[in-house]
């Protein structure tokens, strides 16, 4: 499998914003992954895969609310604080906030993650350089 296209969309945000850009990656001219994020971390830039907020069912009506919601969006019943419990994948859910977002798509191997990160960060630097060149003209 080969990354055949990377498109970077720079974010025009304040200097203290950690989110620097979004990217769209195309594999083999046939499969697209959108909303890959370029983030400035404490150790430099890194790539975060697309994710969605995790949800849990209301015990009263069954409506799926965002994890850590205090009240049900459907029936208004108070929801109990999130405690460790089994996730949909069968593992234990840690109570420390790591479950608020769940990756939609992600690489399975370290090698694949490194290839994706390298290609996206190269495209980000190229887009940033091109953007600063256009701003100077």
N, C-alpha and C. Protein backbone atom coordinates (compact mmCIF):
# COMPACT_ATOMS: atom_id res chain seq x y z
N UNK A 1 0.86 -1.17 0.00
CA UNK A 1 0.00 0.00 0.00
C UNK A 1 0.90 1.24 0.00
N UNK A 2 0.48 2.24 -0.74
CA UNK A 2 1.28 3.44 -0.90
C UNK A 2 0.42 4.68 -0.67
N UNK A 3 1.00 5.70 -0.04
CA UNK A 3 0.33 6.99 0.10
C UNK A 3 0.53 7.73 -1.21
N UNK A 4 -0.57 7.96 -1.93
CA UNK A 4 -0.46 8.58 -3.25
C UNK A 4 -0.76 10.08 -3.25
N UNK A 5 -1.34 10.59 -2.17
CA UNK A 5 -1.62 12.03 -2.10
C UNK A 5 -1.82 12.45 -0.66
N UNK A 6 -1.27 13.61 -0.32
CA UNK A 6 -1.50 14.22 0.99
C UNK A 6 -1.86 15.67 0.75
N UNK A 7 -3.01 16.08 1.21
CA UNK A 7 -3.43 17.49 1.09
C UNK A 7 -3.52 18.08 2.48
N UNK A 8 -2.89 19.22 2.66
CA UNK A 8 -2.82 19.86 3.97
C UNK A 8 -3.61 21.15 3.93
N UNK A 9 -4.40 21.37 4.98
CA UNK A 9 -5.20 22.58 5.12
C UNK A 9 -4.75 23.29 6.39
N UNK A 10 -3.94 24.34 6.21
CA UNK A 10 -3.39 25.06 7.36
C UNK A 10 -4.49 25.76 8.13
N UNK A 11 -4.32 25.82 9.43
CA UNK A 11 -5.25 26.53 10.31
C UNK A 11 -4.71 27.93 10.55
N UNK A 12 -5.55 28.91 10.35
CA UNK A 12 -5.17 30.28 10.71
C UNK A 12 -5.68 30.52 12.12
N UNK A 13 -4.79 30.31 13.07
CA UNK A 13 -5.19 30.43 14.46
C UNK A 13 -4.12 31.17 15.23
N UNK A 14 -4.40 31.41 16.48
CA UNK A 14 -3.46 32.14 17.33
C UNK A 14 -2.18 31.33 17.53
N UNK A 15 -1.12 32.00 17.90
CA UNK A 15 0.18 31.36 18.07
C UNK A 15 0.16 30.30 19.16
N UNK A 16 -0.73 30.42 20.15
CA UNK A 16 -0.76 29.45 21.24
C UNK A 16 -1.64 28.24 20.94
N UNK A 17 -2.25 28.18 19.76
CA UNK A 17 -3.08 27.03 19.40
C UNK A 17 -2.19 25.84 19.05
N UNK A 18 -2.54 24.67 19.57
CA UNK A 18 -1.75 23.47 19.31
C UNK A 18 -2.10 22.83 17.97
N UNK A 19 -3.34 23.02 17.49
CA UNK A 19 -3.75 22.46 16.21
C UNK A 19 -3.21 23.34 15.09
N UNK A 20 -2.33 22.79 14.27
CA UNK A 20 -1.68 23.56 13.21
C UNK A 20 -2.32 23.36 11.84
N UNK A 21 -2.85 22.15 11.57
CA UNK A 21 -3.42 21.88 10.25
C UNK A 21 -4.26 20.61 10.29
N UNK A 22 -5.09 20.46 9.25
CA UNK A 22 -5.78 19.21 8.98
C UNK A 22 -5.19 18.66 7.69
N UNK A 23 -5.24 17.34 7.54
CA UNK A 23 -4.74 16.72 6.31
C UNK A 23 -5.71 15.66 5.84
N UNK A 24 -5.67 15.42 4.54
CA UNK A 24 -6.42 14.33 3.92
C UNK A 24 -5.39 13.45 3.21
N UNK A 25 -5.42 12.16 3.50
CA UNK A 25 -4.45 11.22 2.95
C UNK A 25 -5.17 10.27 2.00
N UNK A 26 -4.58 10.06 0.83
CA UNK A 26 -5.12 9.09 -0.13
C UNK A 26 -4.14 7.93 -0.25
N UNK A 27 -4.67 6.70 -0.15
CA UNK A 27 -3.88 5.49 -0.29
C UNK A 27 -4.20 4.84 -1.63
N UNK A 28 -3.17 4.53 -2.42
CA UNK A 28 -3.31 3.81 -3.69
C UNK A 28 -4.37 4.40 -4.62
N UNK A 29 -4.54 5.69 -4.62
CA UNK A 29 -5.54 6.37 -5.45
C UNK A 29 -6.94 5.78 -5.25
N UNK A 30 -7.18 5.13 -4.09
CA UNK A 30 -8.44 4.41 -3.93
C UNK A 30 -9.11 4.59 -2.58
N UNK A 31 -8.38 5.01 -1.55
CA UNK A 31 -8.95 5.08 -0.21
C UNK A 31 -8.50 6.38 0.45
N UNK A 32 -9.45 7.14 1.01
CA UNK A 32 -9.15 8.45 1.59
C UNK A 32 -9.44 8.45 3.09
N UNK A 33 -8.54 9.06 3.84
CA UNK A 33 -8.75 9.29 5.27
C UNK A 33 -8.70 10.80 5.47
N UNK A 34 -9.80 11.37 5.96
CA UNK A 34 -9.90 12.82 6.18
C UNK A 34 -9.73 13.14 7.67
N UNK A 35 -9.52 14.41 7.95
CA UNK A 35 -9.44 14.95 9.32
C UNK A 35 -8.28 14.40 10.13
N UNK A 36 -7.17 14.10 9.47
CA UNK A 36 -5.94 13.80 10.18
C UNK A 36 -5.42 15.15 10.67
N UNK A 37 -4.99 15.22 11.93
CA UNK A 37 -4.59 16.51 12.50
C UNK A 37 -3.08 16.60 12.68
N UNK A 38 -2.52 17.78 12.41
CA UNK A 38 -1.12 18.08 12.72
C UNK A 38 -1.16 18.93 13.98
N UNK A 39 -0.52 18.43 15.04
CA UNK A 39 -0.59 19.07 16.36
C UNK A 39 0.81 19.36 16.87
N UNK A 40 0.96 20.52 17.50
CA UNK A 40 2.23 20.90 18.14
C UNK A 40 2.20 20.39 19.56
N UNK A 41 3.02 19.38 19.84
CA UNK A 41 3.10 18.81 21.18
C UNK A 41 4.32 19.32 21.91
N UNK A 42 4.55 18.83 23.09
CA UNK A 42 5.71 19.27 23.89
C UNK A 42 7.03 18.83 23.27
N UNK A 43 7.00 17.76 22.46
CA UNK A 43 8.23 17.26 21.83
C UNK A 43 8.27 17.58 20.34
N UNK A 44 7.42 18.48 19.87
CA UNK A 44 7.39 18.85 18.46
C UNK A 44 6.09 18.45 17.79
N UNK A 45 6.09 18.52 16.47
CA UNK A 45 4.89 18.21 15.70
C UNK A 45 4.63 16.71 15.67
N UNK A 46 3.35 16.35 15.70
CA UNK A 46 2.96 14.96 15.51
C UNK A 46 1.63 14.90 14.80
N UNK A 47 1.29 13.72 14.31
CA UNK A 47 0.06 13.49 13.55
C UNK A 47 -0.93 12.73 14.42
N UNK A 48 -2.15 13.23 14.52
CA UNK A 48 -3.23 12.56 15.26
C UNK A 48 -4.28 12.09 14.26
N UNK A 49 -4.68 10.86 14.40
CA UNK A 49 -5.65 10.28 13.48
C UNK A 49 -7.06 10.81 13.79
N UNK A 50 -7.97 10.71 12.82
CA UNK A 50 -9.34 11.21 13.04
C UNK A 50 -10.02 10.43 14.17
N UNK A 51 -10.81 11.16 14.95
CA UNK A 51 -11.48 10.53 16.09
C UNK A 51 -12.87 11.11 16.26
N UNK A 52 -13.65 10.45 17.10
CA UNK A 52 -14.98 10.94 17.44
C UNK A 52 -15.16 10.83 18.94
N UNK A 53 -16.07 11.61 19.48
CA UNK A 53 -16.34 11.53 20.92
C UNK A 53 -17.00 10.19 21.25
N UNK A 54 -16.52 9.57 22.29
CA UNK A 54 -17.10 8.31 22.74
C UNK A 54 -18.46 8.58 23.36
N UNK A 55 -19.35 7.61 23.27
CA UNK A 55 -20.71 7.77 23.79
C UNK A 55 -21.07 6.59 24.67
N UNK A 56 -22.01 6.84 25.60
CA UNK A 56 -22.52 5.78 26.45
C UNK A 56 -24.03 5.95 26.56
N UNK A 57 -24.72 4.85 26.76
CA UNK A 57 -26.19 4.85 26.77
C UNK A 57 -26.74 5.33 28.10
N UNK A 58 -27.85 6.09 28.04
CA UNK A 58 -28.60 6.49 29.23
C UNK A 58 -29.26 5.24 29.81
N UNK A 59 -29.14 4.99 31.11
CA UNK A 59 -29.76 3.80 31.68
C UNK A 59 -31.28 3.85 31.64
N UNK A 60 -31.86 5.05 31.54
CA UNK A 60 -33.32 5.17 31.54
C UNK A 60 -33.92 5.00 30.15
N UNK A 61 -33.41 5.75 29.16
CA UNK A 61 -34.04 5.72 27.83
C UNK A 61 -33.16 5.08 26.75
N UNK A 62 -31.89 4.86 27.04
CA UNK A 62 -31.00 4.23 26.07
C UNK A 62 -30.35 5.17 25.08
N UNK A 63 -30.68 6.48 25.13
CA UNK A 63 -30.07 7.45 24.20
C UNK A 63 -28.56 7.48 24.43
N UNK A 64 -27.79 7.57 23.34
CA UNK A 64 -26.33 7.60 23.46
C UNK A 64 -25.85 9.03 23.63
N UNK A 65 -25.28 9.31 24.79
CA UNK A 65 -24.77 10.63 25.14
C UNK A 65 -23.25 10.59 25.18
N UNK A 66 -22.62 11.77 25.01
CA UNK A 66 -21.17 11.85 25.10
C UNK A 66 -20.73 11.40 26.49
N UNK A 67 -19.60 10.70 26.53
CA UNK A 67 -19.04 10.26 27.81
C UNK A 67 -18.85 11.49 28.71
N UNK A 68 -19.13 11.33 29.96
CA UNK A 68 -19.03 12.37 31.00
C UNK A 68 -20.13 13.41 30.94
N UNK A 69 -21.19 13.16 30.18
CA UNK A 69 -22.34 14.06 30.21
C UNK A 69 -23.00 13.94 31.57
N UNK A 70 -23.52 15.03 32.09
CA UNK A 70 -24.17 15.01 33.40
C UNK A 70 -25.64 14.64 33.30
N UNK A 71 -26.28 14.99 32.16
CA UNK A 71 -27.70 14.71 31.97
C UNK A 71 -27.90 14.14 30.57
N UNK A 72 -28.94 13.33 30.41
CA UNK A 72 -29.28 12.74 29.11
C UNK A 72 -29.83 13.83 28.19
N UNK A 73 -29.37 13.86 26.96
CA UNK A 73 -29.86 14.83 25.98
C UNK A 73 -31.27 14.50 25.49
N UNK A 74 -31.73 13.28 25.70
CA UNK A 74 -33.05 12.86 25.23
C UNK A 74 -34.11 13.04 26.31
N UNK A 75 -33.88 12.44 27.49
CA UNK A 75 -34.92 12.43 28.52
C UNK A 75 -34.63 13.36 29.70
N UNK A 76 -33.40 13.89 29.78
CA UNK A 76 -33.04 14.83 30.85
C UNK A 76 -32.69 14.18 32.17
N UNK A 77 -32.67 12.87 32.23
CA UNK A 77 -32.33 12.18 33.48
C UNK A 77 -30.87 12.42 33.83
N UNK A 78 -30.58 12.54 35.13
CA UNK A 78 -29.17 12.66 35.52
C UNK A 78 -28.43 11.37 35.21
N UNK A 79 -27.19 11.53 34.74
CA UNK A 79 -26.36 10.37 34.43
C UNK A 79 -25.33 10.20 35.54
N UNK A 80 -25.03 8.98 35.88
CA UNK A 80 -24.04 8.73 36.93
C UNK A 80 -22.66 9.07 36.39
N UNK A 81 -21.75 9.49 37.28
CA UNK A 81 -20.38 9.79 36.83
C UNK A 81 -19.77 8.55 36.18
N UNK A 82 -18.93 8.79 35.19
CA UNK A 82 -18.31 7.68 34.48
C UNK A 82 -17.38 6.93 35.42
N UNK A 83 -17.62 5.66 35.56
CA UNK A 83 -16.76 4.78 36.35
C UNK A 83 -16.13 3.77 35.42
N UNK A 84 -15.02 3.15 35.81
CA UNK A 84 -14.43 2.15 34.93
C UNK A 84 -15.41 1.03 34.65
N UNK A 85 -15.57 0.70 33.39
CA UNK A 85 -16.46 -0.38 33.00
C UNK A 85 -15.97 -0.93 31.68
N UNK A 86 -16.56 -1.99 31.23
CA UNK A 86 -16.11 -2.61 29.98
C UNK A 86 -16.48 -1.72 28.80
N UNK A 87 -15.56 -1.63 27.85
CA UNK A 87 -15.83 -0.88 26.64
C UNK A 87 -16.48 -1.79 25.62
N UNK A 88 -16.87 -1.19 24.47
CA UNK A 88 -17.48 -1.98 23.41
C UNK A 88 -16.50 -3.00 22.85
N UNK A 89 -15.18 -2.74 22.95
CA UNK A 89 -14.18 -3.66 22.44
C UNK A 89 -13.85 -4.76 23.45
N UNK A 90 -14.42 -4.70 24.66
CA UNK A 90 -14.23 -5.76 25.63
C UNK A 90 -13.17 -5.47 26.68
N UNK A 91 -12.44 -4.37 26.58
CA UNK A 91 -11.41 -4.05 27.55
C UNK A 91 -11.93 -3.14 28.64
N UNK A 92 -11.10 -2.84 29.61
CA UNK A 92 -11.47 -1.92 30.67
C UNK A 92 -11.30 -0.48 30.19
N UNK A 93 -12.22 0.37 30.55
CA UNK A 93 -12.19 1.78 30.19
C UNK A 93 -11.57 2.55 31.35
N UNK A 94 -10.43 3.22 31.13
CA UNK A 94 -9.83 3.99 32.22
C UNK A 94 -10.66 5.23 32.53
N UNK A 95 -10.74 5.64 33.82
CA UNK A 95 -11.57 6.77 34.20
C UNK A 95 -10.90 8.12 34.01
N UNK A 96 -9.70 8.19 33.44
CA UNK A 96 -8.93 9.43 33.43
C UNK A 96 -9.06 10.25 32.15
N UNK A 97 -10.11 10.10 31.39
CA UNK A 97 -10.33 10.97 30.24
C UNK A 97 -9.79 10.42 28.94
N UNK A 98 -9.08 9.31 28.94
CA UNK A 98 -8.55 8.77 27.71
C UNK A 98 -9.65 8.21 26.82
N UNK A 99 -10.85 8.06 27.35
CA UNK A 99 -11.93 7.48 26.57
C UNK A 99 -12.85 8.52 25.94
N UNK A 100 -12.59 9.79 26.12
CA UNK A 100 -13.50 10.80 25.57
C UNK A 100 -13.50 10.81 24.05
N UNK A 101 -12.39 10.43 23.44
CA UNK A 101 -12.33 10.35 21.98
C UNK A 101 -11.78 8.98 21.59
N UNK A 102 -12.31 8.46 20.50
CA UNK A 102 -11.90 7.15 20.00
C UNK A 102 -11.51 7.32 18.54
N UNK A 103 -10.34 6.77 18.17
CA UNK A 103 -9.89 6.85 16.78
C UNK A 103 -10.89 6.17 15.85
N UNK A 104 -11.15 6.80 14.72
CA UNK A 104 -12.01 6.22 13.69
C UNK A 104 -11.17 5.31 12.80
N UNK A 105 -9.98 5.77 12.45
CA UNK A 105 -9.04 5.01 11.64
C UNK A 105 -7.66 5.24 12.21
N UNK A 106 -6.84 4.19 12.23
CA UNK A 106 -5.48 4.37 12.74
C UNK A 106 -4.58 3.25 12.23
N UNK A 107 -3.27 3.53 12.12
CA UNK A 107 -2.34 2.49 11.69
C UNK A 107 -2.18 1.45 12.79
N UNK A 108 -1.95 0.21 12.38
CA UNK A 108 -1.78 -0.86 13.35
C UNK A 108 -0.31 -1.07 13.70
N UNK A 109 0.58 -0.85 12.74
CA UNK A 109 1.99 -1.09 13.00
C UNK A 109 2.74 0.23 13.20
N UNK A 110 3.85 0.14 13.89
CA UNK A 110 4.70 1.31 14.11
C UNK A 110 5.24 1.82 12.77
N UNK A 111 5.60 0.90 11.89
CA UNK A 111 6.14 1.29 10.59
C UNK A 111 5.13 2.10 9.78
N UNK A 112 3.89 1.65 9.78
CA UNK A 112 2.84 2.38 9.06
C UNK A 112 2.63 3.76 9.67
N UNK A 113 2.60 3.86 10.99
CA UNK A 113 2.44 5.16 11.66
C UNK A 113 3.58 6.09 11.28
N UNK A 114 4.81 5.57 11.24
CA UNK A 114 5.97 6.41 10.90
C UNK A 114 5.89 6.91 9.46
N UNK A 115 5.45 6.06 8.53
CA UNK A 115 5.32 6.48 7.13
C UNK A 115 4.27 7.57 7.01
N UNK A 116 3.13 7.37 7.64
CA UNK A 116 2.06 8.37 7.58
C UNK A 116 2.53 9.68 8.19
N UNK A 117 3.15 9.61 9.36
CA UNK A 117 3.60 10.83 10.03
C UNK A 117 4.64 11.56 9.18
N UNK A 118 5.59 10.83 8.61
CA UNK A 118 6.63 11.47 7.79
C UNK A 118 6.01 12.17 6.58
N UNK A 119 5.11 11.48 5.86
CA UNK A 119 4.49 12.06 4.65
C UNK A 119 3.63 13.28 4.99
N UNK A 120 2.86 13.19 6.06
CA UNK A 120 1.98 14.30 6.43
C UNK A 120 2.81 15.50 6.89
N UNK A 121 3.84 15.27 7.70
CA UNK A 121 4.67 16.38 8.17
C UNK A 121 5.47 17.01 7.04
N UNK A 122 5.92 16.21 6.06
CA UNK A 122 6.58 16.78 4.88
C UNK A 122 5.62 17.68 4.10
N UNK A 123 4.40 17.22 3.92
CA UNK A 123 3.40 18.02 3.20
C UNK A 123 3.04 19.27 4.00
N UNK A 124 2.98 19.16 5.33
CA UNK A 124 2.70 20.32 6.18
C UNK A 124 3.79 21.37 6.03
N UNK A 125 5.05 20.95 6.11
CA UNK A 125 6.17 21.90 5.97
C UNK A 125 6.15 22.56 4.60
N UNK A 126 5.84 21.79 3.55
CA UNK A 126 5.77 22.35 2.19
C UNK A 126 4.63 23.37 2.10
N UNK A 127 3.48 23.05 2.67
CA UNK A 127 2.35 23.98 2.63
C UNK A 127 2.65 25.24 3.43
N UNK A 128 3.29 25.07 4.57
CA UNK A 128 3.64 26.22 5.41
C UNK A 128 4.65 27.11 4.70
N UNK A 129 5.65 26.51 4.07
CA UNK A 129 6.65 27.28 3.34
C UNK A 129 6.00 28.01 2.16
N UNK A 130 5.14 27.30 1.43
CA UNK A 130 4.44 27.92 0.30
C UNK A 130 3.54 29.05 0.78
N UNK A 131 2.88 28.87 1.92
CA UNK A 131 2.00 29.91 2.46
C UNK A 131 2.78 31.13 2.87
N UNK A 132 3.95 30.96 3.48
CA UNK A 132 4.74 32.12 3.90
C UNK A 132 5.36 32.81 2.70
N UNK A 133 5.68 32.08 1.63
CA UNK A 133 6.20 32.68 0.42
C UNK A 133 5.13 33.53 -0.26
N UNK A 134 3.90 33.02 -0.30
CA UNK A 134 2.82 33.78 -0.90
C UNK A 134 2.48 35.02 -0.09
N UNK A 135 2.61 34.93 1.23
CA UNK A 135 2.31 36.08 2.09
C UNK A 135 3.33 37.19 1.90
N UNK A 136 4.58 36.83 1.59
CA UNK A 136 5.63 37.84 1.39
C UNK A 136 5.48 38.57 0.06
N UNK A 137 4.82 37.95 -0.91
CA UNK A 137 4.70 38.57 -2.25
C UNK A 137 3.61 39.58 -2.31
